[in-house]
Amino acid sequence: MYTVTKRIEISAAHRLELDYESKCTNFHGHNWIITVHCRARELNANGMVVDFTDIKRAITDALDHKCLNDVLPVNPTAENMARWICDRIDNCFRVDVQESEGNTASYEKD
């Protein structure tokens, strides 16, 4: 099994829809650190699991310097963001989304 990991930093804003009072319901931004993990039993024709540039492009084109509420079809929590990213990258099995120091959410496919 081959595995690759790509770490990307982006800036993006969001506001959360919550059923309790929280300052996170106000519009605010983060410098997000996103770590994408991909794996494959066989390499593609170019000898890769997935091109690192394709991973970066998929994330930055969609999310960097954007309002996440306008991009994600769900409440833009770090957890939902991790799944949304994982579903869009070839051979991805895990995504970690760090919204601030000490606060990281992960999504991993079964």
Protein backbone atom coordinates (compact mmCIF):
# COMPACT_ATOMS: atom_id res chain seq x y z
CA MET A 1 0.00 0.00 0.00
CA TYR A 2 1.30 3.43 -0.98
CA THR A 3 0.44 6.50 1.09
CA VAL A 4 0.99 10.21 0.48
CA THR A 5 0.29 13.14 2.80
CA LYS A 6 -0.13 16.77 1.77
CA ARG A 7 -0.31 19.67 4.24
CA ILE A 8 -1.86 22.91 3.03
CA GLU A 9 -2.51 26.24 4.73
CA ILE A 10 -5.40 28.41 3.63
CA SER A 11 -7.27 31.44 4.89
CA ALA A 12 -11.04 31.32 4.91
CA ALA A 13 -13.99 32.73 6.83
CA HIS A 14 -17.22 31.23 8.09
CA ARG A 15 -19.99 31.58 10.60
CA LEU A 16 -21.61 28.61 12.24
CA GLU A 17 -25.31 27.89 12.63
CA LEU A 18 -25.60 26.53 16.17
CA ASP A 19 -28.48 25.67 18.47
CA TYR A 20 -26.72 27.32 21.42
CA GLU A 21 -25.20 30.75 22.05
CA SER A 22 -21.64 31.04 20.78
CA LYS A 23 -19.33 33.71 19.42
CA CYS A 24 -18.75 31.33 16.48
CA THR A 25 -22.16 32.31 15.09
CA ASN A 26 -20.52 35.64 14.21
CA PHE A 27 -18.67 35.91 10.91
CA HIS A 28 -14.95 35.25 11.53
CA GLY A 29 -11.89 33.77 9.85
CA HIS A 30 -9.11 31.27 10.45
CA ASN A 31 -5.79 30.35 8.96
CA TRP A 32 -6.65 26.70 8.45
CA ILE A 33 -4.12 23.87 8.25
CA ILE A 34 -5.47 20.99 6.19
CA THR A 35 -3.70 17.65 6.01
CA VAL A 36 -4.82 15.22 3.33
CA HIS A 37 -3.93 11.53 3.43
CA CYS A 38 -4.28 9.40 0.27
CA ARG A 39 -3.44 5.77 -0.43
CA ALA A 40 -3.53 3.25 -3.23
CA ARG A 41 -2.53 -0.37 -3.74
CA GLU A 42 -1.18 0.46 -7.19
CA LEU A 43 0.41 3.62 -8.52
CA ASN A 44 -1.11 5.46 -11.47
CA ALA A 45 0.54 5.68 -14.90
CA ASN A 46 2.76 8.50 -13.61
CA GLY A 47 3.99 6.46 -10.65
CA MET A 48 1.89 8.36 -8.10
CA VAL A 49 -0.96 7.77 -5.68
CA VAL A 50 -2.18 11.25 -6.61
CA ASP A 51 -0.28 14.34 -7.76
CA PHE A 52 0.44 16.70 -4.84
CA THR A 53 -0.42 19.62 -7.12
CA ASP A 54 -3.88 18.17 -7.76
CA ILE A 55 -4.52 17.96 -4.02
CA LYS A 56 -3.38 21.54 -3.47
CA ARG A 57 -5.40 22.85 -6.40
CA ALA A 58 -8.58 21.04 -5.31
CA ILE A 59 -8.42 22.68 -1.90
CA THR A 60 -7.08 26.14 -2.67
CA ASP A 61 -9.27 26.73 -5.71
CA ALA A 62 -12.38 25.83 -3.76
CA LEU A 63 -11.65 27.19 -0.27
CA ASP A 64 -8.73 29.64 -0.03
CA HIS A 65 -9.83 33.22 0.70
CA LYS A 66 -13.49 32.20 0.48
CA CYS A 67 -16.51 32.33 2.70
CA LEU A 68 -17.04 28.67 3.56
CA ASN A 69 -20.78 29.24 4.03
CA ASP A 70 -20.94 29.98 0.30
CA VAL A 71 -19.00 26.83 -0.66
CA LEU A 72 -20.04 23.97 1.62
CA PRO A 73 -23.62 22.72 1.33
CA VAL A 74 -23.65 22.06 5.10
CA ASN A 75 -22.81 23.99 8.26
CA PRO A 76 -19.09 24.79 7.74
CA THR A 77 -17.70 23.18 10.87
CA ALA A 78 -14.18 21.77 10.75
CA GLU A 79 -15.72 18.27 10.84
CA ASN A 80 -17.97 18.93 7.83
CA MET A 81 -15.09 20.61 6.03
CA ALA A 82 -12.89 17.52 6.52
CA ARG A 83 -15.49 15.22 4.99
CA TRP A 84 -16.25 17.61 2.12
CA ILE A 85 -12.54 17.72 1.21
CA CYS A 86 -12.07 13.96 1.53
CA ASP A 87 -14.95 13.28 -0.83
CA ARG A 88 -13.34 15.42 -3.55
CA ILE A 89 -9.80 14.06 -3.72
CA ASP A 90 -8.82 10.85 -5.51
CA ASN A 91 -7.68 8.05 -3.21
CA CYS A 92 -8.22 10.20 -0.11
CA PHE A 93 -9.01 8.25 3.05
CA ARG A 94 -8.43 10.85 5.79
CA VAL A 95 -8.45 14.62 6.18
CA ASP A 96 -7.43 16.60 9.27
CA VAL A 97 -8.63 20.21 9.52
CA GLN A 98 -6.98 22.46 12.10
CA GLU A 99 -8.88 25.70 12.56
CA SER A 100 -6.70 27.00 15.39
CA GLU A 101 -3.90 25.80 17.63
CA GLY A 102 -5.18 22.83 19.59
CA ASN A 103 -8.44 22.47 17.63
CA THR A 104 -8.36 19.81 14.92
CA ALA A 105 -11.19 17.76 13.42
CA SER A 106 -10.68 14.64 11.32
CA TYR A 107 -12.71 12.61 8.90
CA GLU A 108 -11.65 9.11 7.89
CA LYS A 109 -13.42 6.80 5.46
CA ASP A 110 -14.27 3.32 6.75
